[in-house]
Amino acid sequence: MSRSAKGVSFSSSPVLAVKLPVWRSKLVLFFLFVAFFALLVRALWLQGMTTEFLQKQGASRYTRTLELPATRGKITDRNGEVLASSVPVKAIWAIPDDVLDASKEKLRELAGLLEMSEAELRKKLDSDRQFVYLRRQVEQDVADKVLALGIGGIETRKEYKRFYPEGEVMAHVVGFTNVEDIGQEGIELASQNNLAGKTGSRRVIKDRLGRIVEDIESIREPHDGKELTLSIDSKIQYIAYTHLKEALEKHKAKAGGAVVLDVRTGEVLALVNLPSFNPNERSVLTGAQLRNRVMTDTFEPGSTMKPFTVALALETGRVTPDTVIQTAPGSMTIGTATIHDAHKQGALTVAQVIQKSSNIGTVKMALQMPPQEMWEMFTTLGFGQQPKFGFPGAVAGRLRNFKTWRPIEQATMSYGHGISVSLIQIARAYMIFARNGDTIPLTFQKSAEMPAGHRVISEKTAQQMRLMLEAATEPGGTGTQARIAGYRVGGKTGTAHKLEHGRYVNKYVGDFVGFAPASNPRVIVAVMIDEPSSGGYYGGTVAGPVFSAITANVLRSLNVAPDTSVTNLIPDTSVQESM
């Protein structure tokens, strides 16, 4: 057989014969090459030019930066008693899309544990956000019950809740923080930067259910806040709070305040306001409860201003304690206005003007002096000036410039009308009598140093004024109800009409400011009763007894030795002060 008969040519096979045009196969090959080239270019673009962008986009879907909260610093009183501390709690948060997949029964249980209605819970979860807080500052046992439900998308986060052991007794001093642990009132606000510390952070990888699967790195370590030691003595604070509360209930007063100062260091040992509030439970608060009246409320101080006018007259040599001033007939007309004394007294020495609280006697001394001298005295004492106590909300009060004073205004300001002060301002001003003529700054932080004083009047004038103020609390004076068994005290009563809408109304503020022991003053105590409506309204009647009760207990608490052998108080024969 021939070789050609043994096989069939490939091209001549009808089965294998190519029926399509050659150009079509070349076109397919070309498109395959173009597609491959496009994929290559895209890969190079993704891998080279946009790597950083894509990595960030990917990381945003699985990496999280967790905040590591810093523990807020404790606040303690001068003896180490805790006034504010941070308790660890939990924040309950959710991934809405995952939680809504849970059964109705579990959602109902969750709402109950979070103390909200099921409708309120669903409203929070009906969100486009990937993260929502369901409830903040949840106790640990409640958080454990929430997690035990096993609902997908529910997680907890560690945070802190502030706790105030002294409750309403210390509320206006310590203040409180909000849910973000940021100070809102009092020392919590004033010392926010020191107390708060600095939060830390770390980066982690989480799965779609919010569970941490890998800890990548620590970005910043948290630094806890600093502990703060206040000048406040919690025992003295409780003493002041208790006696002020009793007085408000007795006299059915609208409000009241009291402050206790250490004469030697300028430390504030107690600051009390009523009405008060419980900083641990603030679901219902009113403006009246929140007001720190000792710092923020101003009032006309009335007769408690008279000692400063008399001290200036003594200091400038215009009078002596024995100078006689005629106050008869008990009234005095200046321009179209007439000034009155509560009681007609006749001729009085300067010392008796303070003891009897004579408006006429004080005005006659004031009108001997240029207005500028009085204004400079008052501003040096801090009246009309923004206080620098480092405490939020402290007000300056009102003291107009002497250039605008008319004679009647100079006259009324000399006995505490036409000028407004806060209780802590008037208490600090009495430092010049208790400290032999100088004054020092006040502080709310514990201090072991004796600050340098700024002299306002001479030591001689201060000692003369101390004797006069002591006489004001003795028989025949307006402040006999401020006396204390075993201790000599000095001080001055004050009563003033309240101003409403620019007019005086028949509402009163009664106050008393004094120091003890008079022989070597250790503390200054100021008390203010706002709108007493039962049992009188004069400062000697409503505020004097509170001063006596607070000061007596404070002196014993500080172990201050008695400075008199008198153990029984003489029955009250006080006179009412002129307003």
Protein backbone atom coordinates (compact mmCIF):
# COMPACT_ATOMS: atom_id res chain seq x y z
CA MET A 1 0.00 0.00 0.00
CA SER A 2 1.23 3.43 -0.83
CA ARG A 3 2.15 5.94 1.93
CA SER A 4 -0.67 8.22 0.93
CA ALA A 5 -3.17 5.48 1.50
CA LYS A 6 -2.01 4.93 5.11
CA GLY A 7 -3.31 8.33 6.48
CA VAL A 8 -5.58 11.29 5.82
CA SER A 9 -4.32 14.82 5.48
CA PHE A 10 -5.35 17.11 8.53
CA SER A 11 -6.43 19.90 6.29
CA SER A 12 -8.53 17.65 4.19
CA SER A 13 -10.51 16.25 7.18
CA PRO A 14 -14.11 17.50 7.04
CA VAL A 15 -14.37 17.30 10.87
CA LEU A 16 -11.29 19.35 11.66
CA ALA A 17 -11.61 21.80 8.89
CA VAL A 18 -11.77 25.47 10.15
CA LYS A 19 -14.97 27.05 8.95
CA LEU A 20 -14.62 30.51 10.77
CA PRO A 21 -12.66 33.38 9.31
CA VAL A 22 -9.14 33.82 10.68
CA TRP A 23 -9.74 37.50 11.65
CA ARG A 24 -12.37 36.53 14.28
CA SER A 25 -9.97 34.41 16.28
CA LYS A 26 -7.45 37.22 16.13
CA LEU A 27 -10.13 39.65 17.40
CA VAL A 28 -10.97 37.40 20.38
CA LEU A 29 -7.30 37.12 21.20
CA PHE A 30 -6.99 40.89 21.02
CA PHE A 31 -9.89 41.44 23.45
CA LEU A 32 -8.45 38.90 25.85
CA PHE A 33 -5.17 40.75 25.74
CA VAL A 34 -6.90 44.12 26.37
CA ALA A 35 -8.85 42.70 29.32
CA PHE A 36 -5.71 41.22 30.80
CA PHE A 37 -3.90 44.54 30.31
CA ALA A 38 -6.80 46.44 32.00
CA LEU A 39 -6.66 44.07 34.98
CA LEU A 40 -2.92 44.55 35.16
CA VAL A 41 -3.25 48.35 35.12
CA ARG A 42 -6.02 48.22 37.74
CA ALA A 43 -3.94 45.95 39.96
CA LEU A 44 -0.96 48.27 39.63
CA TRP A 45 -3.20 51.24 40.48
CA LEU A 46 -4.71 49.57 43.53
CA GLN A 47 -1.45 48.12 44.77
CA GLY A 48 0.69 51.14 44.07
CA MET A 49 -1.15 54.43 43.82
CA THR A 50 -4.10 53.97 46.26
CA THR A 51 -2.68 51.54 48.80
CA GLU A 52 -2.80 54.00 51.69
CA PHE A 53 -6.38 55.05 50.97
CA LEU A 54 -7.62 51.46 50.70
CA GLN A 55 -5.85 50.42 53.87
CA LYS A 56 -7.54 53.25 55.74
CA GLN A 57 -10.91 52.28 54.35
CA GLY A 58 -10.38 48.68 55.35
CA ALA A 59 -9.11 49.57 58.79
CA SER A 60 -12.16 51.76 59.40
CA ARG A 61 -14.31 48.67 59.04
CA TYR A 62 -12.55 46.47 61.53
CA THR A 63 -10.18 48.56 63.68
CA ARG A 64 -11.37 50.71 66.54
CA THR A 65 -9.63 53.22 68.79
CA LEU A 66 -10.87 52.67 72.32
CA GLU A 67 -10.77 55.47 74.88
CA LEU A 68 -9.26 54.48 78.20
CA PRO A 69 -10.91 56.68 80.83
CA ALA A 70 -8.78 58.26 83.55
CA THR A 71 -10.00 58.06 87.12
CA ARG A 72 -11.10 61.48 88.37
CA GLY A 73 -9.20 62.65 91.42
CA LYS A 74 -10.79 62.39 94.85
CA ILE A 75 -11.86 65.45 96.79
CA THR A 76 -11.29 65.34 100.54
CA ASP A 77 -11.79 67.74 103.40
CA ARG A 78 -8.87 69.09 105.43
CA ASN A 79 -8.88 65.97 107.64
CA GLY A 80 -8.89 63.45 104.79
CA GLU A 81 -12.62 62.70 104.81
CA VAL A 82 -13.73 61.82 101.26
CA LEU A 83 -16.17 64.35 99.82
CA ALA A 84 -16.19 63.08 96.22
CA SER A 85 -14.89 59.88 94.65
CA SER A 86 -15.31 57.97 91.39
CA VAL A 87 -17.10 54.61 91.32
CA PRO A 88 -16.58 52.30 88.30
CA VAL A 89 -19.77 51.72 86.30
CA LYS A 90 -20.69 50.67 82.76
CA ALA A 91 -22.07 52.35 79.68
CA ILE A 92 -24.42 50.16 77.63
CA TRP A 93 -24.03 50.71 73.88
CA ALA A 94 -25.28 48.95 70.78
CA ILE A 95 -24.89 48.32 67.05
CA PRO A 96 -28.53 49.05 66.07
CA ASP A 97 -28.78 46.72 63.04
CA ASP A 98 -27.60 43.73 65.06
CA VAL A 99 -29.78 44.40 68.11
CA LEU A 100 -33.00 44.72 66.09
CA ASP A 101 -32.56 41.10 65.00
CA ALA A 102 -33.28 40.00 68.59
CA SER A 103 -36.64 38.59 69.64
CA LYS A 104 -39.37 40.83 71.05
CA GLU A 105 -39.16 39.06 74.40
CA LYS A 106 -35.45 39.82 74.78
CA LEU A 107 -35.91 43.44 73.71
CA ARG A 108 -38.66 43.77 76.32
CA GLU A 109 -36.34 42.38 79.00
CA LEU A 110 -33.56 44.71 77.86
CA ALA A 111 -35.85 47.74 78.09
CA GLY A 112 -36.84 46.73 81.63
CA LEU A 113 -33.23 46.42 82.77
CA LEU A 114 -32.42 49.83 81.26
CA GLU A 115 -35.47 51.36 82.95
CA MET A 116 -37.11 52.54 79.74
CA SER A 117 -40.14 51.57 77.69
CA GLU A 118 -39.84 49.22 74.76
CA ALA A 119 -40.93 52.05 72.45
CA GLU A 120 -38.17 54.28 73.81
CA LEU A 121 -35.61 51.52 73.27
CA ARG A 122 -36.71 50.93 69.68
CA LYS A 123 -36.55 54.68 69.02
CA LYS A 124 -32.90 54.71 70.09
CA LEU A 125 -32.15 51.68 67.95
CA ASP A 126 -33.90 53.18 64.91
CA SER A 127 -30.74 54.93 63.85
CA ASP A 128 -28.44 55.00 60.83
CA ARG A 129 -25.44 55.20 63.13
CA GLN A 130 -23.25 52.20 63.78
CA PHE A 131 -22.92 53.05 67.48
CA VAL A 132 -25.52 54.36 69.97
CA TYR A 133 -25.54 54.66 73.75
CA LEU A 134 -28.54 52.99 75.33
CA ARG A 135 -27.78 54.06 78.89
CA ARG A 136 -24.84 55.62 80.72
CA GLN A 137 -23.49 55.02 84.22
CA VAL A 138 -25.17 51.64 84.79
CA GLU A 139 -24.32 49.69 87.93
CA GLN A 140 -22.15 46.61 87.38
CA ASP A 141 -24.85 44.09 88.42
CA VAL A 142 -27.31 45.58 85.91
CA ALA A 143 -24.68 45.50 83.16
CA ASP A 144 -24.04 41.81 83.89
CA LYS A 145 -27.76 41.06 83.53
CA VAL A 146 -27.87 42.93 80.22
CA LEU A 147 -24.97 40.89 78.82
CA ALA A 148 -26.53 37.69 80.13
CA LEU A 149 -29.46 38.21 77.72
CA GLY A 150 -27.08 37.28 74.91
CA ILE A 151 -28.39 39.88 72.49
CA GLY A 152 -26.03 40.37 69.53
CA GLY A 153 -24.68 43.90 69.11
CA ILE A 154 -24.95 44.84 72.81
CA GLU A 155 -21.67 45.82 74.45
CA THR A 156 -20.50 47.60 77.60
CA ARG A 157 -17.83 50.22 78.14
CA LYS A 158 -16.07 51.07 81.39
CA GLU A 159 -16.66 54.55 82.78
CA TYR A 160 -16.95 56.26 86.16
CA LYS A 161 -19.73 57.78 88.21
CA ARG A 162 -19.12 60.40 90.88
CA PHE A 163 -20.29 59.65 94.41
CA TYR A 164 -20.74 62.29 97.13
CA PRO A 165 -20.83 60.81 100.66
CA GLU A 166 -21.86 64.09 102.36
CA GLY A 167 -24.88 64.61 100.10
CA GLU A 168 -26.73 67.91 100.45
CA VAL A 169 -24.58 69.10 103.36
CA MET A 170 -21.59 69.67 101.08
CA ALA A 171 -23.45 70.12 97.77
CA HIS A 172 -22.70 73.79 97.09
CA VAL A 173 -19.03 73.45 97.96
CA VAL A 174 -18.15 70.28 96.06
CA GLY A 175 -20.66 70.67 93.22
CA PHE A 176 -21.12 67.78 90.77
CA THR A 177 -20.14 66.38 87.36
CA ASN A 178 -22.26 65.46 84.35
CA VAL A 179 -22.57 62.08 82.66
CA GLU A 180 -19.31 62.75 80.80
CA ASP A 181 -17.57 63.22 84.19
CA ILE A 182 -17.01 66.93 83.55
CA GLY A 183 -17.43 69.36 86.46
CA GLN A 184 -20.59 71.46 86.33
CA GLU A 185 -20.70 73.27 89.67
CA GLY A 186 -18.57 74.07 92.72
CA ILE A 187 -15.06 72.73 93.18
CA GLU A 188 -15.74 70.05 90.55
CA LEU A 189 -16.00 72.86 88.00
CA ALA A 190 -13.37 75.19 89.47
CA SER A 191 -10.69 72.45 89.54
CA GLN A 192 -11.79 70.53 86.44
CA ASN A 193 -8.36 70.46 84.80
CA ASN A 194 -6.57 69.06 87.86
CA LEU A 195 -9.28 66.59 88.87
CA ALA A 196 -10.04 65.17 85.41
CA GLY A 197 -6.62 63.82 84.48
CA LYS A 198 -5.98 62.74 80.86
CA THR A 199 -7.69 59.86 79.07
CA GLY A 200 -5.67 57.22 77.25
CA SER A 201 -6.40 55.19 74.12
CA ARG A 202 -5.53 51.90 72.40
CA ARG A 203 -6.20 50.46 68.94
CA VAL A 204 -7.95 47.08 68.56
CA ILE A 205 -9.52 44.89 65.87
CA LYS A 206 -13.18 44.03 66.31
CA ASP A 207 -15.43 41.60 64.45
CA ARG A 208 -18.86 42.54 63.12
CA LEU A 209 -20.43 41.77 66.50
CA GLY A 210 -18.21 44.30 68.23
CA ARG A 211 -16.02 41.73 69.95
CA ILE A 212 -12.32 42.47 70.32
CA VAL A 213 -10.30 39.84 68.43
CA GLU A 214 -6.88 41.48 68.55
CA ASP A 215 -5.17 44.21 70.58
CA ILE A 216 -2.96 46.11 68.10
CA GLU A 217 -1.24 48.82 70.10
CA SER A 218 -1.44 51.25 73.00
CA ILE A 219 -1.55 54.83 71.73
CA ARG A 220 -1.53 56.76 75.00
CA GLU A 221 -1.62 55.64 78.63
CA PRO A 222 -4.30 57.25 80.83
CA HIS A 223 -3.18 59.56 83.64
CA ASP A 224 -5.48 59.75 86.65
CA GLY A 225 -6.57 63.11 88.05
CA LYS A 226 -4.96 64.68 91.09
CA GLU A 227 -6.46 64.38 94.55
CA LEU A 228 -7.65 67.69 95.96
CA THR A 229 -7.65 68.56 99.67
CA LEU A 230 -10.06 71.35 100.58
CA SER A 231 -9.88 73.81 103.44
CA ILE A 232 -13.39 72.74 104.41
CA ASP A 233 -13.81 70.88 107.69
CA SER A 234 -16.71 68.43 107.26
CA LYS A 235 -17.54 68.56 110.98
CA ILE A 236 -17.78 72.34 110.96
CA GLN A 237 -19.73 72.19 107.69
CA TYR A 238 -22.27 69.87 109.31
CA ILE A 239 -22.51 72.14 112.36
CA ALA A 240 -23.25 75.17 110.18
CA TYR A 241 -25.73 73.25 108.02
CA THR A 242 -27.67 71.88 110.98
CA HIS A 243 -28.09 75.20 112.81
CA LEU A 244 -28.92 77.12 109.64
CA LYS A 245 -31.58 74.58 108.73
CA GLU A 246 -33.15 74.82 112.20
CA ALA A 247 -33.27 78.62 111.89
CA LEU A 248 -34.95 78.51 108.47
CA GLU A 249 -37.59 76.13 109.78
CA LYS A 250 -38.14 78.22 112.91
CA HIS A 251 -38.53 81.52 111.07
CA LYS A 252 -40.17 80.04 107.96
CA ALA A 253 -37.55 81.77 105.82
CA LYS A 254 -37.16 81.54 102.06
CA ALA A 255 -33.43 80.81 102.13
CA GLY A 256 -30.24 81.27 104.09
CA GLY A 257 -26.47 81.06 104.03
CA ALA A 258 -23.56 80.76 106.43
CA VAL A 259 -19.78 80.91 106.07
CA VAL A 260 -16.96 80.18 108.54
CA LEU A 261 -13.46 81.61 107.93
CA ASP A 262 -10.14 80.88 109.62
CA VAL A 263 -8.77 84.27 110.70
CA ARG A 264 -5.12 83.15 110.62
CA THR A 265 -4.94 81.52 107.16
CA GLY A 266 -7.96 82.81 105.22
CA GLU A 267 -9.18 79.22 104.76
CA VAL A 268 -12.91 78.70 104.27
CA LEU A 269 -13.83 76.14 106.93
CA ALA A 270 -17.52 75.93 106.03
CA LEU A 271 -19.87 77.29 103.38
CA VAL A 272 -23.55 76.39 103.61
CA ASN A 273 -26.61 77.31 101.54
CA LEU A 274 -30.26 76.41 101.96
CA PRO A 275 -32.27 75.21 100.18
CA SER A 276 -29.80 72.55 99.06
CA PHE A 277 -29.86 69.39 96.92
CA ASN A 278 -28.48 65.87 96.86
CA PRO A 279 -25.76 65.67 94.16
CA ASN A 280 -26.16 61.88 94.07
CA GLU A 281 -29.78 62.21 92.91
CA ARG A 282 -30.35 65.07 90.50
CA SER A 283 -33.39 63.92 88.56
CA VAL A 284 -35.38 66.90 89.85
CA LEU A 285 -33.50 70.13 90.50
CA THR A 286 -34.65 73.74 90.75
CA GLY A 287 -32.73 76.97 90.38
CA ALA A 288 -33.38 77.79 94.03
CA GLN A 289 -31.64 74.58 95.10
CA LEU A 290 -28.63 75.10 92.85
CA ARG A 291 -27.94 78.71 93.81
CA ASN A 292 -24.80 79.16 95.87
CA ARG A 293 -26.23 82.16 97.73
CA VAL A 294 -23.14 82.80 99.82
CA MET A 295 -21.25 83.47 96.57
CA THR A 296 -23.81 84.54 93.98
CA ASP A 297 -26.62 86.37 95.82
CA THR A 298 -26.12 90.02 96.69
CA PHE A 299 -28.11 91.99 99.23
CA GLU A 300 -27.96 95.31 101.00
CA PRO A 301 -25.97 94.48 104.16
CA GLY A 302 -27.62 97.09 106.36
CA SER A 303 -25.97 97.87 109.68
CA THR A 304 -23.14 95.36 109.21
CA MET A 305 -21.54 98.12 107.04
CA LYS A 306 -21.49 100.70 109.86
CA PRO A 307 -18.23 99.46 111.44
CA PHE A 308 -16.30 100.27 108.24
CA THR A 309 -17.61 103.84 108.17
CA VAL A 310 -16.77 104.32 111.86
CA ALA A 311 -13.33 102.70 111.40
CA LEU A 312 -12.52 105.17 108.62
CA ALA A 313 -13.59 108.10 110.79
CA LEU A 314 -11.33 106.81 113.59
CA GLU A 315 -8.44 106.12 111.22
CA THR A 316 -8.52 109.63 109.76
CA GLY A 317 -8.63 111.22 113.23
CA ARG A 318 -12.03 112.84 112.77
CA VAL A 319 -13.43 111.12 115.88
CA THR A 320 -12.37 109.00 118.84
CA PRO A 321 -14.37 106.26 120.55
CA ASP A 322 -15.44 108.83 123.14
CA THR A 323 -16.48 111.58 120.74
CA VAL A 324 -20.10 112.54 121.46
CA ILE A 325 -22.55 112.75 118.57
CA GLN A 326 -26.05 114.16 118.97
CA THR A 327 -28.59 111.85 117.32
CA ALA A 328 -31.72 113.62 118.60
CA PRO A 329 -34.48 113.91 117.55
CA GLY A 330 -33.92 110.51 115.91
CA SER A 331 -34.32 111.74 112.35
CA MET A 332 -32.28 113.71 109.83
CA THR A 333 -33.28 115.28 106.52
CA ILE A 334 -30.86 115.39 103.59
CA GLY A 335 -32.30 117.09 100.55
CA THR A 336 -35.79 115.67 100.17
CA ALA A 337 -35.09 112.41 102.04
CA THR A 338 -35.34 111.76 105.76
CA ILE A 339 -33.27 109.21 107.66
CA HIS A 340 -34.55 107.67 110.90
CA ASP A 341 -33.23 105.69 113.85
CA ALA A 342 -35.29 102.77 115.11
CA HIS A 343 -35.21 104.35 118.57
CA LYS A 344 -34.54 107.94 119.66
CA GLN A 345 -31.22 107.88 121.51
CA GLY A 346 -30.08 111.48 122.05
CA ALA A 347 -26.35 112.08 122.61
CA LEU A 348 -24.19 109.01 121.96
CA THR A 349 -20.49 108.37 121.96
CA VAL A 350 -18.98 106.84 118.81
CA ALA A 351 -18.75 103.53 120.68
CA GLN A 352 -22.46 103.76 121.53
CA VAL A 353 -23.32 104.53 117.90
CA ILE A 354 -22.05 101.03 117.08
CA GLN A 355 -23.59 99.44 120.16
CA LYS A 356 -27.03 100.99 119.57
CA SER A 357 -26.69 100.79 115.76
CA SER A 358 -27.61 104.43 115.16
CA ASN A 359 -28.13 105.47 111.56
CA ILE A 360 -28.00 109.18 112.46
CA GLY A 361 -24.70 108.88 114.30
CA THR A 362 -23.12 106.92 111.44
CA VAL A 363 -24.35 109.38 108.80
CA LYS A 364 -22.99 112.39 110.70
CA MET A 365 -19.55 110.77 110.73
CA ALA A 366 -19.80 109.80 107.05
CA LEU A 367 -20.69 113.30 105.90
CA GLN A 368 -17.49 114.64 107.50
CA MET A 369 -15.48 112.62 104.94
CA PRO A 370 -15.00 113.13 101.21
CA PRO A 371 -16.85 110.48 99.16
CA GLN A 372 -13.56 109.37 97.62
CA GLU A 373 -12.18 108.30 101.02
CA MET A 374 -15.20 106.09 101.70
CA TRP A 375 -15.12 104.63 98.19
CA GLU A 376 -11.43 103.80 98.45
CA MET A 377 -12.00 102.13 101.83
CA PHE A 378 -14.86 100.02 100.47
CA THR A 379 -13.02 98.97 97.29
CA THR A 380 -9.91 98.05 99.27
CA LEU A 381 -12.10 95.71 101.30
CA GLY A 382 -13.32 94.06 98.08
CA PHE A 383 -16.79 95.59 97.74
CA GLY A 384 -17.77 96.12 94.13
CA GLN A 385 -14.78 94.00 93.04
CA GLN A 386 -14.80 90.60 91.37
CA PRO A 387 -13.74 88.11 94.08
CA LYS A 388 -10.60 86.08 93.39
CA PHE A 389 -11.53 82.98 95.38
CA GLY A 390 -11.02 80.62 92.44
CA PHE A 391 -14.66 79.64 92.83
CA PRO A 392 -17.18 79.77 89.94
CA GLY A 393 -20.05 82.22 90.04
CA ALA A 394 -18.69 84.59 92.71
CA VAL A 395 -20.18 88.05 92.04
CA ALA A 396 -18.73 91.53 92.48
CA GLY A 397 -21.76 93.18 94.03
CA ARG A 398 -22.61 96.83 93.40
CA LEU A 399 -20.67 99.90 94.45
CA ARG A 400 -20.97 102.93 92.21
CA ASN A 401 -18.03 105.25 91.63
CA PHE A 402 -17.77 108.06 94.19
CA LYS A 403 -17.94 110.70 91.44
CA THR A 404 -21.66 110.00 91.03
CA TRP A 405 -22.55 110.00 94.72
CA ARG A 406 -25.07 112.53 95.99
CA PRO A 407 -25.04 113.44 99.71
CA ILE A 408 -28.06 111.23 100.42
CA GLU A 409 -26.36 108.29 98.68
CA GLN A 410 -23.17 108.73 100.67
CA ALA A 411 -25.29 108.87 103.80
CA THR A 412 -27.26 105.68 103.08
CA MET A 413 -24.19 103.73 101.95
CA SER A 414 -22.54 104.52 105.27
CA TYR A 415 -25.10 102.28 106.98
CA GLY A 416 -25.43 99.63 104.27
CA HIS A 417 -28.12 100.83 101.88
CA GLY A 418 -27.53 101.64 98.22
CA ILE A 419 -24.67 99.12 98.14
CA SER A 420 -24.92 95.38 97.53
CA VAL A 421 -22.52 92.65 98.69
CA SER A 422 -22.38 88.88 98.92
CA LEU A 423 -22.18 87.15 102.29
CA ILE A 424 -18.63 85.95 101.69
CA GLN A 425 -17.53 89.48 100.77
CA ILE A 426 -18.81 90.97 104.02
CA ALA A 427 -17.31 88.08 106.01
CA ARG A 428 -13.88 88.64 104.47
CA ALA A 429 -14.11 92.39 105.06
CA TYR A 430 -14.41 91.77 108.82
CA MET A 431 -10.87 90.37 108.65
CA ILE A 432 -9.55 93.91 109.27
CA PHE A 433 -11.11 93.86 112.75
CA ALA A 434 -10.18 90.27 113.59
CA ARG A 435 -6.60 90.54 112.24
CA ASN A 436 -5.55 93.87 113.75
CA GLY A 437 -6.08 95.95 110.66
CA ASP A 438 -4.98 93.85 107.68
CA THR A 439 -6.79 91.52 105.29
CA ILE A 440 -5.72 88.35 103.48
CA PRO A 441 -7.02 86.38 100.46
CA LEU A 442 -9.51 83.58 101.02
CA THR A 443 -8.83 80.04 99.86
CA PHE A 444 -10.84 76.84 99.46
CA GLN A 445 -7.75 74.64 99.52
CA LYS A 446 -6.01 73.50 102.67
CA SER A 447 -3.07 75.74 103.48
CA ALA A 448 -0.36 75.47 106.11
CA GLU A 449 1.10 78.86 105.29
CA MET A 450 0.32 82.15 106.99
CA PRO A 451 -0.27 84.51 104.04
CA ALA A 452 1.04 88.06 104.09
CA GLY A 453 -1.66 90.58 104.91
CA HIS A 454 -2.52 93.87 103.24
CA ARG A 455 -2.97 96.64 105.81
CA VAL A 456 -6.18 98.65 105.57
CA ILE A 457 -6.39 100.32 109.00
CA SER A 458 -3.94 100.66 111.89
CA GLU A 459 -3.68 98.10 114.66
CA LYS A 460 -4.93 100.71 117.12
CA THR A 461 -8.10 101.37 115.11
CA ALA A 462 -8.74 97.64 114.71
CA GLN A 463 -8.45 97.08 118.48
CA GLN A 464 -10.80 100.01 119.17
CA MET A 465 -13.33 98.57 116.73
CA ARG A 466 -13.09 95.11 118.31
CA LEU A 467 -14.05 96.58 121.68
CA MET A 468 -17.00 98.42 120.11
CA LEU A 469 -18.19 95.33 118.28
CA GLU A 470 -17.88 93.32 121.46
CA ALA A 471 -20.03 95.93 123.24
CA ALA A 472 -22.67 95.48 120.51
CA THR A 473 -23.21 91.91 121.77
CA GLU A 474 -23.38 92.90 125.45
CA PRO A 475 -26.46 94.13 127.36
CA GLY A 476 -27.74 97.29 125.72
CA GLY A 477 -26.47 96.28 122.29
CA THR A 478 -28.35 94.95 119.28
CA GLY A 479 -26.58 91.58 119.18
CA THR A 480 -26.99 90.07 122.63
CA GLN A 481 -28.47 86.88 121.17
CA ALA A 482 -25.11 86.24 119.47
CA ARG A 483 -23.28 85.80 122.78
CA ILE A 484 -21.59 82.53 123.75
CA ALA A 485 -21.08 81.14 127.25
CA GLY A 486 -17.38 81.15 128.12
CA TYR A 487 -16.27 83.20 125.12
CA ARG A 488 -16.11 86.90 124.33
CA VAL A 489 -17.54 87.65 120.90
CA GLY A 490 -17.76 90.72 118.71
CA GLY A 491 -20.00 91.38 115.79
CA LYS A 492 -22.70 93.44 114.19
CA THR A 493 -26.30 92.87 113.29
CA GLY A 494 -27.84 93.98 110.02
CA THR A 495 -31.36 94.25 108.62
CA ALA A 496 -32.36 95.56 105.21
CA HIS A 497 -35.43 95.83 103.03
CA LYS A 498 -35.27 93.86 99.80
CA LEU A 499 -35.34 95.51 96.41
CA GLU A 500 -37.76 94.18 93.79
CA HIS A 501 -38.11 95.83 90.39
CA GLY A 502 -36.22 98.87 91.64
CA ARG A 503 -38.43 99.48 94.69
CA TYR A 504 -38.14 98.53 98.34
CA VAL A 505 -40.75 96.01 99.50
CA ASN A 506 -41.75 94.70 102.91
CA LYS A 507 -39.43 91.75 102.70
CA TYR A 508 -36.22 91.60 104.69
CA VAL A 509 -32.76 90.12 104.88
CA GLY A 510 -31.39 89.70 108.40
CA ASP A 511 -27.68 89.08 108.85
CA PHE A 512 -25.00 88.90 111.50
CA VAL A 513 -21.22 88.99 111.03
CA GLY A 514 -18.84 88.46 113.93
CA PHE A 515 -15.69 86.88 115.31
CA ALA A 516 -14.58 84.94 118.37
CA PRO A 517 -12.89 84.84 120.79
CA ALA A 518 -12.82 88.65 120.88
CA SER A 519 -9.56 88.66 122.87
CA ASN A 520 -7.71 86.82 120.07
CA PRO A 521 -10.06 86.05 117.15
CA ARG A 522 -9.76 82.61 115.59
CA VAL A 523 -12.84 82.45 113.35
CA ILE A 524 -15.20 84.78 111.53
CA VAL A 525 -18.77 83.58 111.10
CA ALA A 526 -21.34 85.29 108.87
CA VAL A 527 -25.02 84.30 108.72
CA MET A 528 -27.78 85.53 106.39
CA ILE A 529 -31.51 84.74 106.66
CA ASP A 530 -33.56 85.64 103.58
CA GLU A 531 -37.21 86.65 104.03
CA PRO A 532 -37.96 85.36 107.54
CA SER A 533 -41.74 85.34 108.02
CA SER A 534 -42.14 84.11 111.60
CA GLY A 535 -40.58 85.16 114.91
CA GLY A 536 -39.20 88.52 113.74
CA TYR A 537 -36.95 89.69 110.94
CA TYR A 538 -34.20 91.76 112.56
CA GLY A 539 -30.69 90.42 112.11
CA GLY A 540 -30.12 90.26 115.87
CA THR A 541 -33.22 88.09 116.26
CA VAL A 542 -33.00 85.71 113.30
CA ALA A 543 -29.26 85.55 112.50
CA GLY A 544 -27.68 86.32 115.91
CA PRO A 545 -28.73 83.02 117.57
CA VAL A 546 -27.47 81.06 114.54
CA PHE A 547 -24.09 82.79 114.82
CA SER A 548 -24.00 81.91 118.52
CA ALA A 549 -24.83 78.21 117.97
CA ILE A 550 -22.42 77.76 115.06
CA THR A 551 -19.53 79.65 116.62
CA ALA A 552 -19.82 77.90 119.99
CA ASN A 553 -19.58 74.48 118.37
CA VAL A 554 -16.82 75.55 116.00
CA LEU A 555 -14.64 76.88 118.84
CA ARG A 556 -15.05 73.63 120.74
CA SER A 557 -14.31 71.61 117.62
CA LEU A 558 -11.09 73.56 117.13
CA ASN A 559 -10.20 73.23 120.84
CA VAL A 560 -10.05 77.00 121.31
CA ALA A 561 -9.72 77.85 124.99
CA PRO A 562 -12.43 80.05 126.60
CA ASP A 563 -11.38 83.64 127.18
CA THR A 564 -13.83 84.61 129.89
CA SER A 565 -14.98 83.16 133.19
CA VAL A 566 -18.61 83.94 132.47
CA THR A 567 -20.60 80.72 132.20
CA ASN A 568 -24.18 81.99 132.31
CA LEU A 569 -25.57 84.35 129.73
CA ILE A 570 -27.36 87.46 130.91
CA PRO A 571 -31.02 87.47 129.81
CA ASP A 572 -31.65 89.21 126.50
CA THR A 573 -32.13 92.96 126.80
CA SER A 574 -31.13 93.79 123.26
CA VAL A 575 -32.48 96.65 121.20
CA GLN A 576 -33.38 96.41 117.56
CA GLU A 577 -30.95 97.87 115.07
CA SER A 578 -31.86 100.67 112.72
CA MET A 579 -32.13 99.45 109.16
